[in-house]
């Protein structure tokens, strides 16, 4: 009987481990970051919303409202050469208020019409809804999860304030990935026109979100698989999962931030928003909606949501002409 060569066994095991890590990195990069359909999310119970919310998402009057608006399509070339686009709608009456609405992962610009209708019809704002890179009509073969998008947002702001006037007061309002985008932007040197940020259902960092989902969906530890994927993402998409960190950004924020989150959110745990709120350097507030899952807060308690946003903006914008009709 041949004697077992332990050196060969060790080499074989190490080789298998390395191959698994490389293959796993490419698998999860393609699964989460590479542009394309993500069928694995369709059966994710963490994204299940109430029947009421689903009806509003699929059949709400905001959809007809979006279809009837005469949006101006705007284009911009990003700093790294991607062609980006978005939709601009001037207010019915002249105003110095502009909200930039940033959508979530796998979404597109006009889905933010759910919030755009509120800002336009009830608050009298100019509205702009951009397609994030990799989404809608914008270029890009990967999803940025907010990190490269934060610079796109700042550049959109500069372009829009040239269009609407340098005295424009700009609000950032983001949902999920869009919320992470506006928070990551908060740590940058923002144009002085940006007066307030509203982050609905944000995550702390991309690495932390992926670690949570890797464990929850696949029962796998983050290390070392996610760290190897981090290297691959840096090579292919130009950013690191670890640097895409909203938690670090808000500790440098100078603009007031309102956090909104559902207390029943299991896709992006509510504790993430609470931690972000706790460490925010600027003036901050938090609004939690009971029984709301991920991205459900607006539908689940619409009147309270609108009132909270209105109060927050009135307290942070100068000479506000905001008026809200909650009887609608």
Protein backbone atom coordinates (compact mmCIF):
# COMPACT_ATOMS: atom_id res chain seq x y z
CA UNK A 1 0.00 0.00 0.00
CA UNK A 2 1.36 3.37 -1.07
CA UNK A 3 2.14 5.84 1.65
CA UNK A 4 -0.03 8.98 1.55
CA UNK A 5 1.92 12.08 0.57
CA UNK A 6 0.58 14.75 2.91
CA UNK A 7 2.36 17.41 0.91
CA UNK A 8 0.35 16.46 -2.17
CA UNK A 9 -2.86 16.42 -0.14
CA UNK A 10 -2.15 19.90 1.23
CA UNK A 11 -1.29 21.24 -2.22
CA UNK A 12 -4.48 19.71 -3.62
CA UNK A 13 -6.62 21.22 -0.87
CA UNK A 14 -4.98 24.63 -1.27
CA UNK A 15 -5.51 24.44 -5.04
CA UNK A 16 -9.19 23.54 -4.58
CA UNK A 17 -9.59 26.41 -2.11
CA UNK A 18 -7.99 28.92 -4.47
CA UNK A 19 -10.07 27.76 -7.43
CA UNK A 20 -13.23 27.98 -5.31
CA UNK A 21 -12.35 31.53 -4.22
CA UNK A 22 -11.64 32.70 -7.78
CA UNK A 23 -14.74 31.03 -9.19
CA UNK A 24 -16.84 32.33 -6.29
CA UNK A 25 -15.58 35.88 -6.80
CA UNK A 26 -16.60 35.85 -10.47
CA UNK A 27 -19.92 34.19 -9.64
CA UNK A 28 -20.93 36.79 -7.07
CA UNK A 29 -19.57 39.68 -9.14
CA UNK A 30 -21.73 38.57 -12.06
CA UNK A 31 -24.62 37.92 -9.70
CA UNK A 32 -24.66 41.31 -8.00
CA UNK A 33 -22.54 43.89 -9.81
CA UNK A 34 -22.46 43.06 -13.52
CA UNK A 35 -25.27 44.77 -15.40
CA UNK A 36 -28.15 42.48 -16.25
CA UNK A 37 -31.30 40.82 -14.88
CA UNK A 38 -31.13 39.49 -11.34
CA UNK A 39 -33.65 36.67 -11.19
CA UNK A 40 -32.39 35.51 -7.80
CA UNK A 41 -34.12 38.50 -6.19
CA UNK A 42 -37.60 37.68 -7.48
CA UNK A 43 -38.12 34.97 -4.88
CA UNK A 44 -36.33 36.76 -2.03
CA UNK A 45 -38.74 36.86 0.90
CA UNK A 46 -36.82 39.80 2.40
CA UNK A 47 -38.20 41.93 -0.42
CA UNK A 48 -41.80 40.88 0.06
CA UNK A 49 -44.08 43.88 0.57
CA UNK A 50 -47.70 44.23 1.59
CA UNK A 51 -50.53 43.88 -0.94
CA UNK A 52 -51.31 47.56 -0.43
CA UNK A 53 -47.75 48.57 -1.29
CA UNK A 54 -47.60 46.29 -4.31
CA UNK A 55 -50.85 47.76 -5.61
CA UNK A 56 -49.45 51.28 -5.30
CA UNK A 57 -46.19 50.25 -7.00
CA UNK A 58 -47.98 48.58 -9.91
CA UNK A 59 -51.24 50.52 -10.24
CA UNK A 60 -50.87 53.80 -8.35
CA UNK A 61 -52.06 57.06 -9.87
CA UNK A 62 -48.45 58.26 -9.83
CA UNK A 63 -47.84 56.08 -12.90
CA UNK A 64 -50.42 58.02 -14.92
CA UNK A 65 -48.96 61.23 -13.55
CA UNK A 66 -45.48 60.30 -14.79
CA UNK A 67 -46.82 59.38 -18.23
CA UNK A 68 -48.56 62.75 -18.59
CA UNK A 69 -45.54 64.91 -17.71
CA UNK A 70 -43.44 66.53 -20.41
CA UNK A 71 -40.02 65.73 -19.03
CA UNK A 72 -36.93 67.19 -20.60
CA UNK A 73 -34.35 64.47 -21.21
CA UNK A 74 -30.90 65.60 -20.10
CA UNK A 75 -27.56 63.99 -20.87
CA UNK A 76 -24.20 64.19 -19.15
CA UNK A 77 -20.83 62.51 -19.63
CA UNK A 78 -19.41 61.16 -16.37
CA UNK A 79 -15.85 61.80 -15.27
CA UNK A 80 -14.89 58.34 -16.53
CA UNK A 81 -16.61 58.70 -19.88
CA UNK A 82 -20.05 57.11 -19.40
CA UNK A 83 -23.08 58.68 -21.05
CA UNK A 84 -25.70 59.30 -18.36
CA UNK A 85 -29.24 60.58 -18.69
CA UNK A 86 -32.06 61.85 -16.56
CA UNK A 87 -35.46 63.57 -16.61
CA UNK A 88 -36.03 67.20 -15.64
CA UNK A 89 -39.42 68.78 -14.95
CA UNK A 90 -39.66 72.50 -14.07
CA UNK A 91 -42.20 73.48 -11.44
CA UNK A 92 -45.56 74.94 -12.45
CA UNK A 93 -44.63 78.21 -10.81
CA UNK A 94 -41.08 79.64 -10.66
CA UNK A 95 -39.24 78.43 -7.57
CA UNK A 96 -35.70 78.18 -6.29
CA UNK A 97 -36.35 74.65 -4.97
CA UNK A 98 -35.05 71.56 -6.78
CA UNK A 99 -35.11 67.95 -5.65
CA UNK A 100 -32.89 65.29 -7.20
CA UNK A 101 -34.49 61.87 -6.72
CA UNK A 102 -32.15 58.86 -6.86
CA UNK A 103 -33.58 55.39 -7.42
CA UNK A 104 -32.69 51.99 -6.03
CA UNK A 105 -30.80 48.94 -7.26
CA UNK A 106 -32.14 47.58 -10.58
CA UNK A 107 -34.62 50.45 -10.75
CA UNK A 108 -34.80 53.36 -13.14
CA UNK A 109 -35.33 57.10 -12.98
CA UNK A 110 -39.07 57.33 -13.55
CA UNK A 111 -39.81 54.92 -10.70
CA UNK A 112 -39.01 57.85 -8.44
CA UNK A 113 -42.12 59.50 -9.85
CA UNK A 114 -43.87 58.07 -6.79
CA UNK A 115 -41.98 60.71 -4.80
CA UNK A 116 -41.69 63.18 -7.68
CA UNK A 117 -45.45 63.61 -7.79
CA UNK A 118 -45.40 64.67 -4.13
CA UNK A 119 -42.58 67.17 -4.60
CA UNK A 120 -44.03 68.58 -7.81
CA UNK A 121 -47.76 68.72 -7.05
CA UNK A 122 -47.75 69.38 -3.31
CA UNK A 123 -44.47 71.13 -2.60
CA UNK A 124 -44.07 72.98 -5.89
CA UNK A 125 -40.51 71.83 -6.61
CA UNK A 126 -38.55 71.50 -9.81
CA UNK A 127 -37.69 67.80 -10.00
CA UNK A 128 -34.88 65.82 -11.59
CA UNK A 129 -34.71 62.03 -11.77
CA UNK A 130 -31.43 60.58 -13.09
CA UNK A 131 -30.77 57.04 -14.23
CA UNK A 132 -27.81 55.73 -12.23
CA UNK A 133 -24.93 54.27 -14.21
CA UNK A 134 -25.80 50.77 -15.38
CA UNK A 135 -29.52 51.53 -15.15
CA UNK A 136 -32.20 52.66 -17.59
CA UNK A 137 -30.82 54.67 -20.50
CA UNK A 138 -27.53 55.45 -18.76
CA UNK A 139 -24.32 53.75 -19.85
CA UNK A 140 -22.19 51.37 -17.84
CA UNK A 141 -21.87 47.59 -17.63
CA UNK A 142 -21.85 47.43 -13.83
CA UNK A 143 -23.79 48.73 -10.83
CA UNK A 144 -21.98 51.25 -8.64
CA UNK A 145 -24.04 50.77 -5.45
CA UNK A 146 -23.68 54.50 -4.79
CA UNK A 147 -19.93 54.99 -4.84
CA UNK A 148 -19.12 56.16 -8.38
CA UNK A 149 -22.71 57.43 -8.49
CA UNK A 150 -21.97 59.96 -5.73
CA UNK A 151 -19.68 61.86 -8.10
CA UNK A 152 -22.25 61.61 -10.88
CA UNK A 153 -24.79 63.14 -8.51
CA UNK A 154 -22.48 66.05 -7.70
CA UNK A 155 -21.86 66.66 -11.40
CA UNK A 156 -25.59 66.53 -12.15
CA UNK A 157 -26.06 69.12 -9.39
CA UNK A 158 -23.54 71.47 -10.97
CA UNK A 159 -25.18 71.06 -14.38
CA UNK A 160 -28.67 71.63 -13.00
CA UNK A 161 -27.80 74.70 -10.97
CA UNK A 162 -26.35 76.27 -14.11
CA UNK A 163 -29.69 75.54 -15.79
CA UNK A 164 -32.02 76.54 -12.93
CA UNK A 165 -29.89 79.31 -11.44
CA UNK A 166 -27.02 79.50 -8.98
CA UNK A 167 -29.42 80.56 -6.20
CA UNK A 168 -31.23 77.20 -6.47
CA UNK A 169 -31.69 75.29 -3.21
CA UNK A 170 -31.08 71.61 -3.93
CA UNK A 171 -32.44 68.62 -2.01
CA UNK A 172 -31.15 65.08 -2.44
CA UNK A 173 -33.78 62.38 -1.83
CA UNK A 174 -32.68 58.79 -2.37
CA UNK A 175 -34.21 55.35 -1.96
CA UNK A 176 -32.19 52.24 -1.00
CA UNK A 177 -29.12 52.30 -3.30
CA UNK A 178 -30.13 55.87 -4.10
CA UNK A 179 -30.16 56.61 -0.37
CA UNK A 180 -26.63 55.21 -0.06
CA UNK A 181 -25.66 57.38 -3.04
CA UNK A 182 -26.81 60.63 -1.42
CA UNK A 183 -25.16 59.67 1.88
CA UNK A 184 -21.86 58.82 0.19
CA UNK A 185 -22.07 62.20 -1.55
CA UNK A 186 -22.55 63.89 1.84
CA UNK A 187 -18.93 63.22 2.72
CA UNK A 188 -17.67 65.08 -0.36
CA UNK A 189 -17.22 68.79 -0.95
CA UNK A 190 -20.80 69.39 -2.09
CA UNK A 191 -21.92 72.36 -4.18
CA UNK A 192 -23.12 75.06 -1.80
CA UNK A 193 -26.60 74.86 -3.34
CA UNK A 194 -27.18 71.48 -1.63
CA UNK A 195 -29.18 72.27 1.49
CA UNK A 196 -30.58 68.95 2.78
CA UNK A 197 -30.46 65.19 2.24
CA UNK A 198 -33.21 62.60 2.72
CA UNK A 199 -32.11 58.96 2.80
CA UNK A 200 -34.88 56.34 2.69
CA UNK A 201 -33.78 52.77 3.52
CA UNK A 202 -29.99 53.25 3.27
CA UNK A 203 -27.23 50.73 3.96
CA UNK A 204 -24.00 51.53 5.79
CA UNK A 205 -21.47 50.19 3.28
CA UNK A 206 -21.53 47.92 0.26
CA UNK A 207 -19.17 45.44 1.91
CA UNK A 208 -21.34 45.24 5.01
CA UNK A 209 -24.54 44.86 2.95
CA UNK A 210 -23.00 42.07 0.88
CA UNK A 211 -21.68 40.34 4.00
CA UNK A 212 -25.18 40.42 5.49
CA UNK A 213 -26.78 39.08 2.29
CA UNK A 214 -24.06 36.47 1.72
CA UNK A 215 -24.84 35.01 5.12
CA UNK A 216 -28.61 35.39 4.86
CA UNK A 217 -29.07 34.10 1.31
CA UNK A 218 -26.17 31.67 0.89
CA UNK A 219 -25.09 30.89 4.48
CA UNK A 220 -21.50 31.80 3.67
CA UNK A 221 -19.02 33.87 5.71
CA UNK A 222 -17.81 37.15 4.26
CA UNK A 223 -14.11 36.34 4.60
CA UNK A 224 -12.27 35.54 2.42
CA UNK A 225 -14.77 35.26 -0.47
CA UNK A 226 -16.06 38.82 -0.24
CA UNK A 227 -12.53 40.18 0.09
CA UNK A 228 -11.54 38.44 -3.14
CA UNK A 229 -14.68 39.75 -4.82
CA UNK A 230 -13.65 43.17 -3.56
CA UNK A 231 -10.40 42.90 -5.54
CA UNK A 232 -12.28 41.77 -8.64
CA UNK A 233 -14.76 44.64 -8.35
CA UNK A 234 -11.90 47.09 -8.09
CA UNK A 235 -10.31 45.65 -11.22
CA UNK A 236 -13.48 45.40 -13.34
CA UNK A 237 -15.68 48.24 -12.06
CA UNK A 238 -13.07 50.62 -10.68
CA UNK A 239 -14.24 50.80 -7.09
CA UNK A 240 -13.84 48.89 -3.85
CA UNK A 241 -16.70 47.42 -1.84
CA UNK A 242 -14.98 48.67 1.30
CA UNK A 243 -14.47 52.25 0.16
CA UNK A 244 -18.14 52.48 -0.80
CA UNK A 245 -18.93 53.42 2.76
CA UNK A 246 -21.81 55.70 3.73
CA UNK A 247 -21.02 55.30 7.43
CA UNK A 248 -17.66 56.96 6.97
CA UNK A 249 -19.10 59.65 4.68
CA UNK A 250 -21.78 60.89 7.09
CA UNK A 251 -19.13 61.45 9.73
CA UNK A 252 -17.82 64.19 7.42
CA UNK A 253 -21.26 65.53 6.46
CA UNK A 254 -22.05 69.22 6.80
CA UNK A 255 -25.54 69.11 5.25
CA UNK A 256 -28.56 68.13 7.42
CA UNK A 257 -29.78 64.57 6.88
CA UNK A 258 -33.17 62.95 7.46
CA UNK A 259 -33.10 59.16 7.70
CA UNK A 260 -36.22 57.14 6.91
CA UNK A 261 -36.51 53.38 7.36
CA UNK A 262 -39.06 50.66 7.86
CA UNK A 263 -38.99 48.94 11.24
CA UNK A 264 -39.74 45.61 9.53
CA UNK A 265 -36.96 45.87 6.93
CA UNK A 266 -35.05 42.59 6.69
CA UNK A 267 -33.32 43.25 3.35
CA UNK A 268 -31.44 46.27 4.71
CA UNK A 269 -31.77 45.98 8.49
CA UNK A 270 -33.20 48.98 10.33
CA UNK A 271 -30.16 49.01 12.60
CA UNK A 272 -28.09 50.23 9.66
CA UNK A 273 -30.11 53.45 9.47
CA UNK A 274 -29.96 53.84 13.25
CA UNK A 275 -26.18 53.53 13.25
CA UNK A 276 -25.87 56.02 10.39
CA UNK A 277 -28.04 58.47 12.31
CA UNK A 278 -25.98 58.04 15.48
CA UNK A 279 -22.66 58.88 13.84
CA UNK A 280 -23.81 61.66 11.49
CA UNK A 281 -21.75 64.77 12.08
CA UNK A 282 -24.30 67.24 10.70
CA UNK A 283 -27.78 68.01 12.00
CA UNK A 284 -29.77 64.78 11.64
CA UNK A 285 -33.18 63.26 12.32
CA UNK A 286 -34.65 59.79 11.89
CA UNK A 287 -38.18 58.64 11.06
CA UNK A 288 -39.08 54.95 11.45
CA UNK A 289 -42.27 53.43 10.08
CA UNK A 290 -43.75 50.43 11.87
CA UNK A 291 -44.52 47.30 9.82
CA UNK A 292 -42.79 48.72 6.73
CA UNK A 293 -40.38 46.46 4.86
CA UNK A 294 -37.65 47.67 2.50
CA UNK A 295 -38.71 50.78 0.61
CA UNK A 296 -42.28 50.61 1.93
CA UNK A 297 -42.30 53.56 4.31
CA UNK A 298 -43.84 56.08 1.91
CA UNK A 299 -46.82 53.85 1.10
CA UNK A 300 -47.33 52.41 4.57
CA UNK A 301 -47.64 55.79 6.30
CA UNK A 302 -47.87 58.34 3.51
CA UNK A 303 -49.31 61.25 5.47
CA UNK A 304 -46.74 60.97 8.26
CA UNK A 305 -43.95 60.53 5.70
CA UNK A 306 -44.98 63.67 3.81
CA UNK A 307 -45.39 65.66 6.99
CA UNK A 308 -41.96 64.62 8.26
CA UNK A 309 -40.28 65.54 4.96
CA UNK A 310 -42.13 68.87 4.81
CA UNK A 311 -41.21 69.78 8.39
CA UNK A 312 -37.59 68.79 7.84
CA UNK A 313 -37.28 70.88 4.69
CA UNK A 314 -39.05 73.88 6.17
CA UNK A 315 -36.56 73.90 9.02
CA UNK A 316 -33.50 73.74 6.77
CA UNK A 317 -34.37 75.74 3.65
CA UNK A 318 -34.35 79.51 3.61
CA UNK A 319 -37.49 81.56 2.89
CA UNK A 320 -39.39 78.37 2.25
CA UNK A 321 -42.50 78.63 0.15
CA UNK A 322 -43.46 75.05 0.83
CA UNK A 323 -47.10 74.25 1.40
CA UNK A 324 -48.54 70.82 1.78
CA UNK A 325 -52.07 69.54 1.37
CA UNK A 326 -52.35 66.29 3.27
CA UNK A 327 -56.05 65.98 2.45
CA UNK A 328 -55.22 64.71 -1.04
